[in-house]
Amino acid sequence: MDGETSLLWMVLFGAIGMGYFAYGRKQKRTIPLLSGIGLMVYPYFISGTFAMIAVGAILLAIPYFIRI
């Protein structure tokens, strides 16, 4: 895929990560907070679009399956 598609996914996962981060900070919940930080940071280290989507989907699902 091309650079525009990767940029779009970076922005999308970053925005969702910001929401997770704000929720985790406000509710004092560790898992959504860390997942939000991960969603905002990981696209800078993964260059492949499909890998970016896969890692993003995993980070999005973590707060639903791990409740601490």
N, C-alpha and C. Protein backbone atom coordinates (compact mmCIF):
# COMPACT_ATOMS: atom_id res chain seq x y z
N MET A 1 0.83 -1.18 0.00
CA MET A 1 0.00 0.00 0.00
C MET A 1 0.89 1.25 0.00
N ASP A 2 0.29 2.35 -0.27
CA ASP A 2 1.07 3.57 -0.40
C ASP A 2 1.12 4.36 0.90
N GLY A 3 1.86 5.45 0.87
CA GLY A 3 2.09 6.26 2.05
C GLY A 3 0.85 6.93 2.60
N GLU A 4 -0.08 7.30 1.71
CA GLU A 4 -1.30 7.97 2.18
C GLU A 4 -2.15 7.03 3.02
N THR A 5 -2.19 5.77 2.63
CA THR A 5 -2.97 4.80 3.39
C THR A 5 -2.37 4.60 4.78
N SER A 6 -1.05 4.49 4.83
CA SER A 6 -0.39 4.32 6.12
C SER A 6 -0.61 5.54 7.01
N LEU A 7 -0.56 6.71 6.42
CA LEU A 7 -0.79 7.94 7.18
C LEU A 7 -2.21 7.99 7.73
N LEU A 8 -3.17 7.56 6.92
CA LEU A 8 -4.55 7.52 7.38
C LEU A 8 -4.72 6.59 8.57
N TRP A 9 -4.10 5.41 8.50
CA TRP A 9 -4.18 4.47 9.62
C TRP A 9 -3.48 5.01 10.85
N MET A 10 -2.35 5.70 10.64
CA MET A 10 -1.64 6.30 11.78
C MET A 10 -2.53 7.32 12.50
N VAL A 11 -3.20 8.15 11.74
CA VAL A 11 -4.07 9.17 12.34
C VAL A 11 -5.26 8.52 13.04
N LEU A 12 -5.85 7.51 12.41
CA LEU A 12 -7.00 6.84 12.99
C LEU A 12 -6.63 6.17 14.32
N PHE A 13 -5.56 5.37 14.32
CA PHE A 13 -5.16 4.69 15.55
C PHE A 13 -4.67 5.68 16.60
N GLY A 14 -4.04 6.75 16.18
CA GLY A 14 -3.61 7.78 17.13
C GLY A 14 -4.79 8.46 17.81
N ALA A 15 -5.84 8.74 17.04
CA ALA A 15 -7.03 9.38 17.62
C ALA A 15 -7.74 8.44 18.59
N ILE A 16 -7.87 7.19 18.22
CA ILE A 16 -8.49 6.21 19.13
C ILE A 16 -7.62 6.04 20.36
N GLY A 17 -6.30 6.02 20.17
CA GLY A 17 -5.38 5.91 21.30
C GLY A 17 -5.51 7.08 22.25
N MET A 18 -5.71 8.26 21.71
CA MET A 18 -5.90 9.44 22.56
C MET A 18 -7.18 9.29 23.40
N GLY A 19 -8.22 8.73 22.80
CA GLY A 19 -9.45 8.48 23.55
C GLY A 19 -9.25 7.46 24.65
N TYR A 20 -8.53 6.37 24.35
CA TYR A 20 -8.23 5.36 25.36
C TYR A 20 -7.39 5.97 26.48
N PHE A 21 -6.42 6.78 26.11
CA PHE A 21 -5.55 7.41 27.10
C PHE A 21 -6.35 8.32 28.03
N ALA A 22 -7.22 9.15 27.46
CA ALA A 22 -8.03 10.07 28.27
C ALA A 22 -8.97 9.30 29.19
N TYR A 23 -9.57 8.24 28.66
CA TYR A 23 -10.46 7.42 29.48
C TYR A 23 -9.71 6.75 30.62
N GLY A 24 -8.56 6.16 30.31
CA GLY A 24 -7.77 5.48 31.34
C GLY A 24 -7.28 6.42 32.41
N ARG A 25 -6.91 7.62 31.99
CA ARG A 25 -6.43 8.60 32.97
C ARG A 25 -7.57 9.11 33.85
N LYS A 26 -8.71 9.38 33.25
CA LYS A 26 -9.84 9.89 34.02
C LYS A 26 -10.41 8.84 34.98
N GLN A 27 -10.49 7.61 34.52
CA GLN A 27 -11.04 6.53 35.35
C GLN A 27 -10.00 5.85 36.23
N LYS A 28 -8.73 6.25 36.09
CA LYS A 28 -7.61 5.65 36.82
C LYS A 28 -7.54 4.14 36.56
N ARG A 29 -7.61 3.79 35.26
CA ARG A 29 -7.53 2.40 34.82
C ARG A 29 -6.26 2.22 34.02
N THR A 30 -5.45 1.27 34.40
CA THR A 30 -4.12 1.10 33.83
C THR A 30 -4.14 0.53 32.41
N ILE A 31 -4.96 -0.47 32.16
CA ILE A 31 -4.94 -1.16 30.86
C ILE A 31 -5.36 -0.21 29.73
N PRO A 32 -6.47 0.52 29.82
CA PRO A 32 -6.79 1.45 28.73
C PRO A 32 -5.75 2.56 28.58
N LEU A 33 -5.17 3.00 29.67
CA LEU A 33 -4.13 4.03 29.62
C LEU A 33 -2.92 3.53 28.83
N LEU A 34 -2.43 2.34 29.16
CA LEU A 34 -1.27 1.79 28.46
C LEU A 34 -1.60 1.42 27.01
N SER A 35 -2.80 0.94 26.79
CA SER A 35 -3.21 0.62 25.42
C SER A 35 -3.29 1.89 24.57
N GLY A 36 -3.77 2.97 25.17
CA GLY A 36 -3.83 4.25 24.46
C GLY A 36 -2.45 4.77 24.11
N ILE A 37 -1.52 4.65 25.04
CA ILE A 37 -0.14 5.07 24.76
C ILE A 37 0.44 4.21 23.65
N GLY A 38 0.18 2.91 23.71
CA GLY A 38 0.67 2.02 22.67
C GLY A 38 0.09 2.35 21.30
N LEU A 39 -1.21 2.66 21.25
CA LEU A 39 -1.84 3.02 19.98
C LEU A 39 -1.29 4.32 19.40
N MET A 40 -0.90 5.24 20.25
CA MET A 40 -0.36 6.50 19.75
C MET A 40 1.09 6.37 19.29
N VAL A 41 1.83 5.41 19.85
CA VAL A 41 3.27 5.34 19.59
C VAL A 41 3.64 4.30 18.53
N TYR A 42 2.98 3.15 18.52
CA TYR A 42 3.45 2.04 17.69
C TYR A 42 3.50 2.33 16.19
N PRO A 43 2.63 3.17 15.59
CA PRO A 43 2.72 3.37 14.14
C PRO A 43 4.05 3.97 13.68
N TYR A 44 4.78 4.60 14.56
CA TYR A 44 6.07 5.17 14.17
C TYR A 44 7.14 4.10 14.00
N PHE A 45 6.90 2.90 14.52
CA PHE A 45 7.89 1.84 14.46
C PHE A 45 7.54 0.72 13.48
N ILE A 46 6.32 0.70 12.96
CA ILE A 46 5.89 -0.34 12.03
C ILE A 46 5.61 0.33 10.69
N SER A 47 6.26 -0.16 9.63
CA SER A 47 6.12 0.49 8.34
C SER A 47 5.09 -0.19 7.45
N GLY A 48 4.84 -1.46 7.59
CA GLY A 48 3.89 -2.16 6.74
C GLY A 48 2.45 -1.87 7.14
N THR A 49 1.61 -1.61 6.16
CA THR A 49 0.22 -1.25 6.44
C THR A 49 -0.54 -2.40 7.09
N PHE A 50 -0.38 -3.61 6.55
CA PHE A 50 -1.11 -4.75 7.11
C PHE A 50 -0.64 -5.08 8.53
N ALA A 51 0.65 -4.97 8.78
CA ALA A 51 1.17 -5.18 10.13
C ALA A 51 0.65 -4.10 11.07
N MET A 52 0.56 -2.87 10.56
CA MET A 52 0.06 -1.77 11.37
C MET A 52 -1.40 -2.01 11.76
N ILE A 53 -2.20 -2.50 10.83
CA ILE A 53 -3.60 -2.78 11.12
C ILE A 53 -3.73 -3.93 12.11
N ALA A 54 -2.92 -4.96 11.95
CA ALA A 54 -2.99 -6.12 12.85
C ALA A 54 -2.61 -5.74 14.28
N VAL A 55 -1.51 -5.02 14.44
CA VAL A 55 -1.09 -4.60 15.78
C VAL A 55 -2.12 -3.65 16.38
N GLY A 56 -2.65 -2.74 15.57
CA GLY A 56 -3.66 -1.82 16.05
C GLY A 56 -4.91 -2.53 16.51
N ALA A 57 -5.34 -3.55 15.78
CA ALA A 57 -6.52 -4.31 16.18
C ALA A 57 -6.29 -5.03 17.51
N ILE A 58 -5.10 -5.55 17.68
CA ILE A 58 -4.77 -6.23 18.95
C ILE A 58 -4.79 -5.23 20.10
N LEU A 59 -4.17 -4.07 19.90
CA LEU A 59 -4.15 -3.06 20.96
C LEU A 59 -5.54 -2.51 21.25
N LEU A 60 -6.39 -2.45 20.23
CA LEU A 60 -7.77 -2.01 20.45
C LEU A 60 -8.55 -3.03 21.28
N ALA A 61 -8.27 -4.31 21.10
CA ALA A 61 -9.04 -5.36 21.77
C ALA A 61 -8.57 -5.64 23.19
N ILE A 62 -7.36 -5.29 23.51
CA ILE A 62 -6.81 -5.61 24.84
C ILE A 62 -7.69 -5.09 25.99
N PRO A 63 -8.14 -3.84 26.00
CA PRO A 63 -8.96 -3.39 27.14
C PRO A 63 -10.29 -4.14 27.29
N TYR A 64 -10.80 -4.73 26.21
CA TYR A 64 -12.05 -5.47 26.31
C TYR A 64 -11.85 -6.86 26.92
N PHE A 65 -10.67 -7.42 26.75
CA PHE A 65 -10.44 -8.78 27.24
C PHE A 65 -9.69 -8.81 28.57
N ILE A 66 -8.92 -7.77 28.89
CA ILE A 66 -8.17 -7.74 30.14
C ILE A 66 -8.78 -6.65 31.01
N ARG A 67 -9.40 -7.05 32.06
CA ARG A 67 -10.02 -6.10 32.99
C ARG A 67 -9.33 -6.21 34.35
N ILE A 68 -8.60 -5.17 34.69
CA ILE A 68 -7.92 -5.15 35.99
C ILE A 68 -8.43 -3.96 36.78
